[in-house]
Amino acid sequence: MSNIDFVILWVDGNDPKWKAEKERYTKTKLNDINRFRDWDNLKYWFRGVEKFAPWVNKIHFITYGHIPKWLNVDNSKLDIVKHMDYIPEKYLPTFNSNVIELNLHRLKQLSEQFVLFNDDMFLCKEVKEEEFFKNGLACEMYAENINMPLGYNNTFSHTALNNIGIINKHFNKREVMKKNLGKYLNIKYGIDNLRTIFLLPWPHYSQFKDPHLPVSLLKSNLSMLWEKEKEALNITSCNKFRQSTDINQYLIRYWQLLTGNFYPRNSKIGKYFEIKNQNEQLLEVIKKQKYKMICINDVTETINVDFERVKSEINNAFEKILPSKSSFEI
């Protein structure tokens, strides 16, 4: 049996207890309803895992405490984890996904090799273990990028800069490139190699391309980061909501890349989509299973999307490829 675990974070934005506690800690009115609204497609995540990755060892379902009514809590592969089960009390309650992810190394049952999913990331086609890990190392795509701030006081832009600040503190770009050039410029990355080539003249890292797909991580690397950057991780973990001082789990990904402890992976394994009022390409991709993995992001700009219609269209597309109940459903 595989020793690769999956971790998925989920929140029920309709849970009155969660909403009341969230409002208690909210100092200003947050226009973030789309970050927590339920697209009612979590069952397709479980169906996709069971059908396309039956080799998974364990699924750690991370939640504030709420559990979908349809979920089979007795499934032997399922480990239901509440925030209080592993996040230190001084950081709770938290509504910051960065906190939830950056403390995952405290999960005793979590295997050394794990794949981190958000609840908007789905498997749509058969995936193999060696597409996530090979010889104990993560399989990844490497591509440098430029940092593009997304509006005033955008926390994600600040977080990206914080990550890179730490990376440039610990890694010398010139030395890193010399050691593993074949991993940093690789045919599997296709046109994304151009990003890295164009940024070669710069002596420091600016940013990396983040595919917004499930990330293969080593538990020991997260523990190591807590040793090396305890103050930065502690500051983030104290933030109830995302703040400009945060770092996030991508820092672990970058660390794995720059130590050279990874195997190149084809960049076309998955694709990122942002939900719109018109989603013809996304629906076609799901129905025809054009990619093994996809991310369907409900971004801030889509708050005025025709929610019920679009939700129905997306879920009907998933129903076409995953019509049968999984063992994770009652």
Protein backbone atom coordinates (compact mmCIF):
# COMPACT_ATOMS: atom_id res chain seq x y z
CA MET A 1 0.00 0.00 0.00
CA SER A 2 1.15 3.50 -0.82
CA ASN A 3 2.56 5.74 1.88
CA ILE A 4 1.28 8.89 0.20
CA ASP A 5 -1.48 10.74 2.04
CA PHE A 6 -3.88 13.38 0.72
CA VAL A 7 -4.81 16.41 2.80
CA ILE A 8 -7.85 18.53 1.97
CA LEU A 9 -9.05 21.69 3.71
CA TRP A 10 -12.78 22.36 3.81
CA VAL A 11 -15.02 24.94 5.42
CA ASP A 12 -18.81 25.04 5.61
CA GLY A 13 -19.56 28.73 5.14
CA ASN A 14 -23.18 28.11 6.17
CA ASP A 15 -22.32 26.74 9.62
CA PRO A 16 -23.96 29.24 12.05
CA LYS A 17 -21.49 28.46 14.85
CA TRP A 18 -18.52 29.05 12.56
CA LYS A 19 -20.07 32.24 11.16
CA ALA A 20 -20.77 33.62 14.62
CA GLU A 21 -17.22 32.96 15.80
CA LYS A 22 -15.78 34.43 12.62
CA GLU A 23 -17.79 37.63 13.07
CA ARG A 24 -16.61 37.88 16.67
CA TYR A 25 -13.03 38.20 15.48
CA THR A 26 -13.72 40.30 12.41
CA LYS A 27 -12.82 43.94 13.01
CA THR A 28 -14.01 45.17 9.62
CA LYS A 29 -16.72 44.02 7.26
CA LEU A 30 -15.15 41.51 4.89
CA ASN A 31 -16.56 41.19 1.39
CA ASP A 32 -15.48 37.58 1.12
CA ILE A 33 -18.70 35.61 0.77
CA ASN A 34 -17.35 33.88 -2.33
CA ARG A 35 -14.38 32.54 -0.36
CA PHE A 36 -16.73 30.44 1.75
CA ARG A 37 -19.86 29.79 -0.31
CA ASP A 38 -20.57 26.11 -0.91
CA TRP A 39 -20.51 24.88 -4.50
CA ASP A 40 -21.89 21.54 -3.31
CA ASN A 41 -19.26 19.55 -5.22
CA LEU A 42 -17.11 18.09 -2.44
CA LYS A 43 -18.56 14.64 -3.12
CA TYR A 44 -16.96 14.79 -6.59
CA TRP A 45 -13.59 15.37 -4.95
CA PHE A 46 -13.97 12.12 -3.01
CA ARG A 47 -15.32 10.27 -6.04
CA GLY A 48 -12.37 11.50 -8.09
CA VAL A 49 -9.85 10.35 -5.50
CA GLU A 50 -11.41 6.90 -5.17
CA LYS A 51 -11.66 6.38 -8.93
CA PHE A 52 -8.47 8.05 -10.14
CA ALA A 53 -6.10 7.59 -7.16
CA PRO A 54 -7.20 4.40 -5.37
CA TRP A 55 -3.61 3.94 -4.16
CA VAL A 56 -3.85 6.81 -1.66
CA ASN A 57 -2.96 5.71 1.85
CA LYS A 58 -5.06 8.10 3.94
CA ILE A 59 -7.20 11.20 3.44
CA HIS A 60 -6.91 13.81 6.17
CA PHE A 61 -10.06 15.93 6.05
CA ILE A 62 -9.26 19.22 7.83
CA THR A 63 -12.25 21.14 9.14
CA TYR A 64 -13.30 23.65 11.78
CA GLY A 65 -15.56 20.94 13.14
CA HIS A 66 -18.36 20.70 10.63
CA ILE A 67 -18.84 17.50 8.62
CA PRO A 68 -20.96 17.04 5.46
CA LYS A 69 -24.13 15.08 6.24
CA TRP A 70 -23.42 12.65 3.42
CA LEU A 71 -19.84 11.82 4.49
CA ASN A 72 -19.15 8.26 5.61
CA VAL A 73 -17.09 8.96 8.72
CA ASP A 74 -16.41 5.23 9.18
CA ASN A 75 -14.40 4.89 5.97
CA SER A 76 -11.07 3.32 6.96
CA LYS A 77 -9.10 5.67 4.72
CA LEU A 78 -10.66 8.80 6.20
CA ASP A 79 -9.11 10.78 9.05
CA ILE A 80 -11.36 13.65 10.14
CA VAL A 81 -9.26 16.35 11.79
CA LYS A 82 -10.54 19.43 13.60
CA HIS A 83 -8.33 22.49 13.91
CA MET A 84 -8.14 21.99 17.66
CA ASP A 85 -6.76 18.48 17.11
CA TYR A 86 -3.39 19.70 15.92
CA ILE A 87 -3.10 23.51 15.86
CA PRO A 88 -1.72 24.94 19.14
CA GLU A 89 -4.41 26.57 21.27
CA LYS A 90 -2.69 29.97 21.19
CA TYR A 91 -3.40 30.17 17.44
CA LEU A 92 -7.10 29.27 17.71
CA PRO A 93 -9.65 29.94 16.48
CA THR A 94 -8.27 30.65 13.04
CA PHE A 95 -9.93 31.62 9.78
CA ASN A 96 -6.60 31.84 7.99
CA SER A 97 -5.84 28.95 5.62
CA ASN A 98 -2.13 29.77 5.90
CA VAL A 99 -2.25 28.86 9.59
CA ILE A 100 -4.10 25.64 8.91
CA GLU A 101 -1.56 24.57 6.28
CA LEU A 102 1.64 25.69 8.00
CA ASN A 103 0.91 23.60 11.09
CA LEU A 104 0.20 20.33 9.28
CA HIS A 105 3.49 18.80 10.44
CA ARG A 106 1.87 18.51 13.89
CA LEU A 107 -0.53 15.85 12.55
CA LYS A 108 0.81 12.63 14.07
CA GLN A 109 -0.97 10.37 11.58
CA LEU A 110 0.21 12.33 8.55
CA SER A 111 2.71 10.43 6.41
CA GLU A 112 6.08 11.90 5.40
CA GLN A 113 4.85 12.22 1.80
CA PHE A 114 1.57 14.03 1.36
CA VAL A 115 -0.32 15.95 -1.30
CA LEU A 116 -2.07 19.15 -0.21
CA PHE A 117 -5.40 19.97 -1.85
CA ASN A 118 -7.75 22.88 -1.49
CA ASP A 119 -11.41 22.01 -1.87
CA ASP A 120 -11.45 23.61 -5.33
CA MET A 121 -8.87 21.17 -6.73
CA PHE A 122 -10.17 18.01 -8.38
CA LEU A 123 -8.84 14.84 -9.99
CA CYS A 124 -10.46 14.28 -13.39
CA LYS A 125 -8.40 11.42 -14.75
CA GLU A 126 -6.24 8.56 -13.51
CA VAL A 127 -3.08 9.71 -11.72
CA LYS A 128 -0.13 7.58 -10.67
CA GLU A 129 1.87 7.74 -7.47
CA GLU A 130 5.03 8.64 -9.37
CA GLU A 131 3.34 11.77 -10.70
CA PHE A 132 3.40 13.12 -7.14
CA PHE A 133 6.43 11.43 -5.58
CA LYS A 134 9.40 9.48 -6.92
CA ASN A 135 12.07 7.87 -4.76
CA GLY A 136 10.80 9.85 -1.79
CA LEU A 137 11.01 13.23 -3.52
CA ALA A 138 8.24 15.51 -4.78
CA CYS A 139 7.46 15.70 -8.50
CA GLU A 140 7.18 19.34 -9.52
CA MET A 141 7.42 21.95 -12.24
CA TYR A 142 10.03 24.69 -11.94
CA ALA A 143 9.48 28.07 -13.56
CA GLU A 144 10.58 31.47 -12.35
CA ASN A 145 8.24 34.43 -12.61
CA ILE A 146 7.94 38.11 -11.83
CA ASN A 147 5.92 39.37 -8.90
CA MET A 148 2.81 41.24 -10.01
CA PRO A 149 1.05 43.06 -7.14
CA LEU A 150 -2.72 42.66 -7.42
CA GLY A 151 -4.18 45.93 -6.22
CA TYR A 152 -3.65 47.98 -3.09
CA ASN A 153 -3.15 46.02 0.13
CA ASN A 154 -3.64 42.67 -1.59
CA THR A 155 -2.55 40.16 1.06
CA PHE A 156 -1.64 37.44 -1.45
CA SER A 157 0.83 39.76 -3.20
CA HIS A 158 2.46 40.64 0.12
CA THR A 159 2.61 36.96 1.09
CA ALA A 160 4.37 36.12 -2.17
CA LEU A 161 6.99 38.78 -1.44
CA ASN A 162 7.43 37.52 2.12
CA ASN A 163 8.04 34.01 0.80
CA ILE A 164 10.64 35.23 -1.69
CA GLY A 165 12.32 37.39 0.95
CA ILE A 166 12.96 34.27 3.02
CA ILE A 167 14.08 32.30 -0.04
CA ASN A 168 16.65 34.94 -1.03
CA LYS A 169 17.91 34.95 2.55
CA HIS A 170 18.72 31.23 2.42
CA PHE A 171 19.57 30.57 -1.25
CA ASN A 172 22.12 32.00 -3.69
CA LYS A 173 20.52 31.87 -7.13
CA ARG A 174 23.80 31.57 -9.05
CA GLU A 175 24.97 28.61 -6.95
CA VAL A 176 21.59 26.88 -7.07
CA MET A 177 21.36 27.07 -10.87
CA LYS A 178 24.87 25.61 -11.30
CA LYS A 179 24.07 22.52 -9.23
CA ASN A 180 20.86 21.37 -10.90
CA LEU A 181 20.47 23.22 -14.19
CA GLY A 182 18.89 20.14 -15.81
CA LYS A 183 16.07 20.27 -13.29
CA TYR A 184 15.49 24.01 -13.64
CA LEU A 185 15.47 24.02 -17.44
CA ASN A 186 13.69 20.87 -18.52
CA ILE A 187 11.78 19.82 -21.61
CA LYS A 188 8.80 18.83 -19.46
CA TYR A 189 8.11 22.48 -18.62
CA GLY A 190 7.57 23.44 -22.24
CA ILE A 191 7.18 27.14 -22.93
CA ASP A 192 7.42 27.91 -19.20
CA ASN A 193 11.19 27.47 -19.55
CA LEU A 194 11.21 30.92 -21.16
CA ARG A 195 10.23 32.51 -17.85
CA THR A 196 13.32 31.10 -16.19
CA ILE A 197 15.60 31.95 -19.12
CA PHE A 198 14.46 35.58 -19.28
CA LEU A 199 15.12 35.99 -15.55
CA LEU A 200 18.60 34.45 -15.62
CA PRO A 201 20.39 37.88 -15.62
CA TRP A 202 18.85 38.78 -12.25
CA PRO A 203 20.99 37.62 -9.30
CA HIS A 204 18.03 37.08 -6.94
CA TYR A 205 14.69 35.35 -7.17
CA SER A 206 11.66 37.48 -7.99
CA GLN A 207 8.89 34.88 -7.86
CA PHE A 208 8.02 31.38 -9.05
CA LYS A 209 5.11 30.29 -11.18
CA ASP A 210 2.53 28.61 -8.96
CA PRO A 211 0.36 26.20 -10.97
CA HIS A 212 -2.48 26.39 -8.38
CA LEU A 213 -2.75 22.62 -8.34
CA PRO A 214 -2.33 20.00 -5.59
CA VAL A 215 1.17 20.33 -4.09
CA SER A 216 3.44 17.42 -3.14
CA LEU A 217 5.13 18.15 0.19
CA LEU A 218 7.37 16.40 2.68
CA LYS A 219 6.33 16.63 6.31
CA SER A 220 9.97 16.88 7.42
CA ASN A 221 10.49 19.96 5.25
CA LEU A 222 7.68 21.77 7.03
CA SER A 223 9.17 20.82 10.40
CA MET A 224 12.55 22.06 9.21
CA LEU A 225 11.09 25.43 8.18
CA TRP A 226 9.68 25.88 11.68
CA GLU A 227 13.21 25.45 12.99
CA LYS A 228 14.79 27.87 10.54
CA GLU A 229 12.04 30.53 10.39
CA LYS A 230 10.13 30.10 13.64
CA GLU A 231 9.44 33.82 14.07
CA ALA A 232 7.93 34.24 10.61
CA LEU A 233 5.76 31.14 10.97
CA ASN A 234 4.69 32.18 14.45
CA ILE A 235 3.67 35.66 13.24
CA THR A 236 1.57 34.09 10.49
CA SER A 237 0.01 31.57 12.86
CA CYS A 238 -1.09 34.37 15.21
CA ASN A 239 -3.12 36.03 12.42
CA LYS A 240 -6.79 35.03 12.64
CA PHE A 241 -7.28 36.16 9.05
CA ARG A 242 -4.86 36.51 6.14
CA GLN A 243 -2.55 39.48 6.67
CA SER A 244 0.19 41.21 4.70
CA THR A 245 2.76 39.77 7.17
CA ASP A 246 1.86 36.16 6.28
CA ILE A 247 3.89 33.51 4.57
CA ASN A 248 2.20 30.43 3.15
CA GLN A 249 2.70 26.81 2.16
CA TYR A 250 4.27 27.78 -1.17
CA LEU A 251 7.42 28.55 0.81
CA ILE A 252 7.79 24.80 1.45
CA ARG A 253 7.34 24.15 -2.26
CA TYR A 254 10.03 26.70 -3.18
CA TRP A 255 12.41 25.25 -0.61
CA GLN A 256 12.03 21.78 -2.11
CA LEU A 257 12.68 23.17 -5.58
CA LEU A 258 15.80 25.14 -4.67
CA THR A 259 17.45 22.32 -2.73
CA GLY A 260 17.09 20.29 -5.93
CA ASN A 261 15.19 17.61 -4.02
CA PHE A 262 12.47 17.08 -6.63
CA TYR A 263 11.83 15.41 -9.97
CA PRO A 264 10.66 17.44 -13.01
CA ARG A 265 6.99 16.91 -13.90
CA ASN A 266 5.10 17.77 -17.07
CA SER A 267 3.47 21.19 -16.72
CA LYS A 268 0.42 19.99 -18.67
CA ILE A 269 -0.72 17.62 -15.92
CA GLY A 270 -3.34 20.15 -14.81
CA LYS A 271 -4.92 23.53 -15.41
CA TYR A 272 -6.18 26.45 -13.35
CA PHE A 273 -9.56 28.09 -14.00
CA GLU A 274 -11.35 31.08 -12.52
CA ILE A 275 -15.13 30.82 -12.32
CA LYS A 276 -17.00 33.19 -14.62
CA ASN A 277 -20.56 33.62 -15.79
CA GLN A 278 -19.56 31.80 -18.97
CA ASN A 279 -17.44 28.66 -18.42
CA GLU A 280 -17.57 26.79 -21.72
CA GLN A 281 -13.87 25.88 -21.70
CA LEU A 282 -13.98 24.63 -18.09
CA LEU A 283 -17.08 22.51 -18.71
CA GLU A 284 -15.52 21.01 -21.83
CA VAL A 285 -12.30 20.22 -19.95
CA ILE A 286 -14.22 18.36 -17.22
CA LYS A 287 -16.50 16.39 -19.55
CA LYS A 288 -13.69 15.34 -21.89
CA GLN A 289 -11.18 14.85 -19.04
CA LYS A 290 -8.54 16.88 -20.86
CA TYR A 291 -6.39 17.26 -17.72
CA LYS A 292 -5.61 14.96 -14.82
CA MET A 293 -6.11 17.73 -12.27
CA ILE A 294 -7.89 21.07 -12.30
CA CYS A 295 -8.39 23.98 -9.94
CA ILE A 296 -11.68 25.90 -10.08
CA ASN A 297 -11.10 29.14 -8.20
CA ASP A 298 -13.97 31.25 -6.91
CA VAL A 299 -12.05 34.54 -6.98
CA THR A 300 -13.18 37.88 -5.52
CA GLU A 301 -13.94 39.28 -8.95
CA THR A 302 -16.65 36.65 -9.48
CA ILE A 303 -18.78 37.64 -6.50
CA ASN A 304 -21.60 38.69 -8.88
CA VAL A 305 -21.57 35.45 -10.84
CA ASP A 306 -24.94 33.76 -11.44
CA PHE A 307 -24.15 31.36 -8.60
CA GLU A 308 -26.99 28.83 -8.85
CA ARG A 309 -26.78 28.50 -12.65
CA VAL A 310 -23.00 28.21 -12.77
CA LYS A 311 -22.96 25.77 -9.83
CA SER A 312 -25.47 23.55 -11.61
CA GLU A 313 -23.45 23.61 -14.86
CA ILE A 314 -20.18 22.69 -13.16
CA ASN A 315 -21.72 19.94 -11.04
CA ASN A 316 -23.55 18.47 -14.02
CA ALA A 317 -20.20 18.27 -15.82
CA PHE A 318 -18.67 16.39 -12.88
CA GLU A 319 -21.70 14.09 -12.78
CA LYS A 320 -20.92 13.05 -16.37
CA ILE A 321 -17.51 11.62 -15.41
CA LEU A 322 -18.22 10.67 -11.77
CA PRO A 323 -21.85 9.47 -11.60
CA SER A 324 -21.38 6.71 -9.02
CA LYS A 325 -21.24 7.16 -5.25
CA SER A 326 -17.92 6.57 -3.60
CA SER A 327 -17.31 4.61 -0.42
CA PHE A 328 -16.86 7.99 1.29
CA GLU A 329 -20.58 8.66 0.87
CA ILE A 330 -23.32 7.25 3.09
